[in-house]
C-alpha atoms as a PDB file:
ATOM      1  CA  MET A   1     -24.674  18.754  65.875  1.00  0.00           C
ATOM      2  CA  THR A   2     -26.560  16.241  68.037  1.00  0.00           C
ATOM      3  CA  VAL A   3     -27.841  12.613  67.123  1.00  0.00           C
ATOM      4  CA  THR A   4     -31.781  14.365  66.843  1.00  0.00           C
ATOM      5  CA  GLU A   5     -30.228  16.954  64.442  1.00  0.00           C
ATOM      6  CA  LEU A   6     -28.535  14.116  62.518  1.00  0.00           C
ATOM      7  CA  LYS A   7     -31.801  12.207  62.061  1.00  0.00           C
ATOM      8  CA  GLU A   8     -33.610  15.279  60.980  1.00  0.00           C
ATOM      9  CA  PHE A   9     -30.691  16.307  58.274  1.00  0.00           C
ATOM     10  CA  PHE A  10     -31.084  12.372  56.997  1.00  0.00           C
ATOM     11  CA  THR A  11     -34.935  12.671  56.920  1.00  0.00           C
ATOM     12  CA  ASP A  12     -34.716  16.190  55.299  1.00  0.00           C
ATOM     13  CA  HIS A  13     -32.227  15.001  52.722  1.00  0.00           C
ATOM     14  CA  LEU A  14     -33.969  11.663  51.995  1.00  0.00           C
ATOM     15  CA  VAL A  15     -31.151   9.629  52.867  1.00  0.00           C
ATOM     16  CA  PRO A  16     -32.505   5.895  52.950  1.00  0.00           C
ATOM     17  CA  SER A  17     -32.896   4.495  56.250  1.00  0.00           C
ATOM     18  CA  LYS A  18     -31.436   1.116  54.982  1.00  0.00           C
ATOM     19  CA  LEU A  19     -27.892   2.637  54.768  1.00  0.00           C
ATOM     20  CA  TYR A  20     -27.550   3.660  58.431  1.00  0.00           C
ATOM     21  CA  GLU A  21     -28.484   3.103  62.076  1.00  0.00           C
ATOM     22  CA  ILE A  22     -28.109   5.483  65.017  1.00  0.00           C
ATOM     23  CA  GLY A  23     -28.317   4.549  68.445  1.00  0.00           C
ATOM     24  CA  LYS A  24     -27.395   0.544  67.728  1.00  0.00           C
ATOM     25  CA  ALA A  25     -25.374  -1.776  65.987  1.00  0.00           C
ATOM     26  CA  ILE A  26     -26.978  -3.355  62.768  1.00  0.00           C
ATOM     27  CA  ASP A  27     -25.369  -5.461  60.456  1.00  0.00           C
ATOM     28  CA  GLY A  28     -24.815  -4.189  56.872  1.00  0.00           C
ATOM     29  CA  LYS A  29     -25.320  -0.467  57.923  1.00  0.00           C
ATOM     30  CA  VAL A  30     -23.297   2.505  58.703  1.00  0.00           C
ATOM     31  CA  CYS A  31     -23.665   2.816  62.606  1.00  0.00           C
ATOM     32  CA  LEU A  32     -23.306   5.399  64.942  1.00  0.00           C
ATOM     33  CA  THR A  33     -23.183   4.167  68.604  1.00  0.00           C
ATOM     34  CA  LYS A  34     -22.308   5.832  72.080  1.00  0.00           C
ATOM     35  CA  ASN A  35     -19.804   3.546  74.144  1.00  0.00           C
ATOM     36  CA  LYS A  36     -19.393   3.903  77.628  1.00  0.00           C
ATOM     37  CA  ASP A  37     -16.555   6.488  77.308  1.00  0.00           C
ATOM     38  CA  PHE A  38     -16.866   7.753  73.517  1.00  0.00           C
ATOM     39  CA  TRP A  39     -18.945   7.636  70.262  1.00  0.00           C
ATOM     40  CA  GLU A  40     -18.124   5.112  67.539  1.00  0.00           C
ATOM     41  CA  VAL A  41     -18.963   5.496  63.671  1.00  0.00           C
ATOM     42  CA  TYR A  42     -18.299   1.883  61.636  1.00  0.00           C
ATOM     43  CA  PHE A  43     -19.859  -0.271  59.064  1.00  0.00           C
ATOM     44  CA  LEU A  44     -21.073  -3.376  60.639  1.00  0.00           C
ATOM     45  CA  ASP A  45     -20.387  -6.575  58.314  1.00  0.00           C
ATOM     46  CA  HIS A  46     -21.206 -10.080  60.411  1.00  0.00           C
ATOM     47  CA  ALA A  47     -20.448  -8.291  63.982  1.00  0.00           C
ATOM     48  CA  GLU A  48     -17.029  -6.844  62.705  1.00  0.00           C
ATOM     49  CA  LYS A  49     -16.860  -3.069  62.868  1.00  0.00           C
ATOM     50  CA  ILE A  50     -15.445  -1.921  59.810  1.00  0.00           C
ATOM     51  CA  GLY A  51     -13.395   1.201  59.352  1.00  0.00           C
ATOM     52  CA  LEU A  52     -14.115   2.194  62.861  1.00  0.00           C
ATOM     53  CA  MET A  53     -14.060   5.983  63.993  1.00  0.00           C
ATOM     54  CA  CYS A  54     -14.019   7.059  67.689  1.00  0.00           C
ATOM     55  CA  PHE A  55     -15.009  10.266  68.940  1.00  0.00           C
ATOM     56  CA  LYS A  56     -14.948  12.050  72.357  1.00  0.00           C
ATOM     57  CA  ASP A  57     -17.746  14.363  71.467  1.00  0.00           C
ATOM     58  CA  GLU A  58     -21.617  13.853  69.786  1.00  0.00           C
ATOM     59  CA  ASN A  59     -20.945  16.605  67.347  1.00  0.00           C
ATOM     60  CA  SER A  60     -17.723  15.033  65.834  1.00  0.00           C
ATOM     61  CA  ALA A  61     -19.253  11.550  65.788  1.00  0.00           C
ATOM     62  CA  CYS A  62     -22.423  13.090  64.040  1.00  0.00           C
ATOM     63  CA  GLN A  63     -20.111  15.045  61.389  1.00  0.00           C
ATOM     64  CA  SER A  64     -18.193  12.081  60.734  1.00  0.00           C
ATOM     65  CA  MET A  65     -21.371  10.005  60.106  1.00  0.00           C
ATOM     66  CA  LYS A  66     -22.753  12.626  58.247  1.00  0.00           C
ATOM     67  CA  ASN A  67     -19.588  12.810  55.869  1.00  0.00           C
ATOM     68  CA  GLU A  68     -19.381   8.908  55.312  1.00  0.00           C
ATOM     69  CA  LEU A  69     -23.188   9.137  54.375  1.00  0.00           C
ATOM     70  CA  ARG A  70     -22.526  11.623  51.874  1.00  0.00           C
ATOM     71  CA  LYS A  71     -19.710   9.697  50.026  1.00  0.00           C
ATOM     72  CA  LEU A  72     -21.941   6.338  50.216  1.00  0.00           C
ATOM     73  CA  MET A  73     -24.907   8.321  48.816  1.00  0.00           C
ATOM     74  CA  GLU A  74     -22.473   9.760  45.979  1.00  0.00           C
ATOM     75  CA  SER A  75     -20.924   6.124  45.113  1.00  0.00           C
ATOM     76  CA  ILE A  76     -24.444   4.379  45.150  1.00  0.00           C
ATOM     77  CA  TYR A  77     -26.987   6.928  44.013  1.00  0.00           C
ATOM     78  CA  GLU A  78     -24.645   9.615  42.337  1.00  0.00           C
ATOM     79  CA  LEU A  79     -26.471  12.261  44.253  1.00  0.00           C
ATOM     80  CA  THR A  80     -25.492  13.852  47.638  1.00  0.00           C
ATOM     81  CA  TRP A  81     -25.485  17.263  49.095  1.00  0.00           C
ATOM     82  CA  LYS A  82     -22.411  19.742  49.440  1.00  0.00           C
ATOM     83  CA  PRO A  83     -19.439  18.388  51.223  1.00  0.00           C
ATOM     84  CA  ILE A  84     -19.288  19.533  55.197  1.00  0.00           C
ATOM     85  CA  ASN A  85     -16.640  22.024  55.803  1.00  0.00           C
ATOM     86  CA  ALA A  86     -14.821  21.621  59.067  1.00  0.00           C
END
C-alpha cells in the first residue's frame, strides 16, 4: 500500500480528516511522516510523538496507520471496517 492508496482508502471509508495527517506532523492527530531513513506513525501531542512506530518501508507504515485509525474509529464512533490481516 502506498500513501496515495491510503488516502483513497480513508476517503472511501469516510474516515474524518480531523483524526489523521499524512506527510506532516499536526498536533492532536495520528500522523504518518517520512523521515530520512524510515517512516513514522504516531500521535502528536504538544510536539511529543506518542506511541511512535518506525518502519523501513512505505507499505508497513501505511498498514500500521490504517490499523491505528481502524481502532480509533471503533473506539470513538463504534464503527469501523474489518481488521487488517497481515
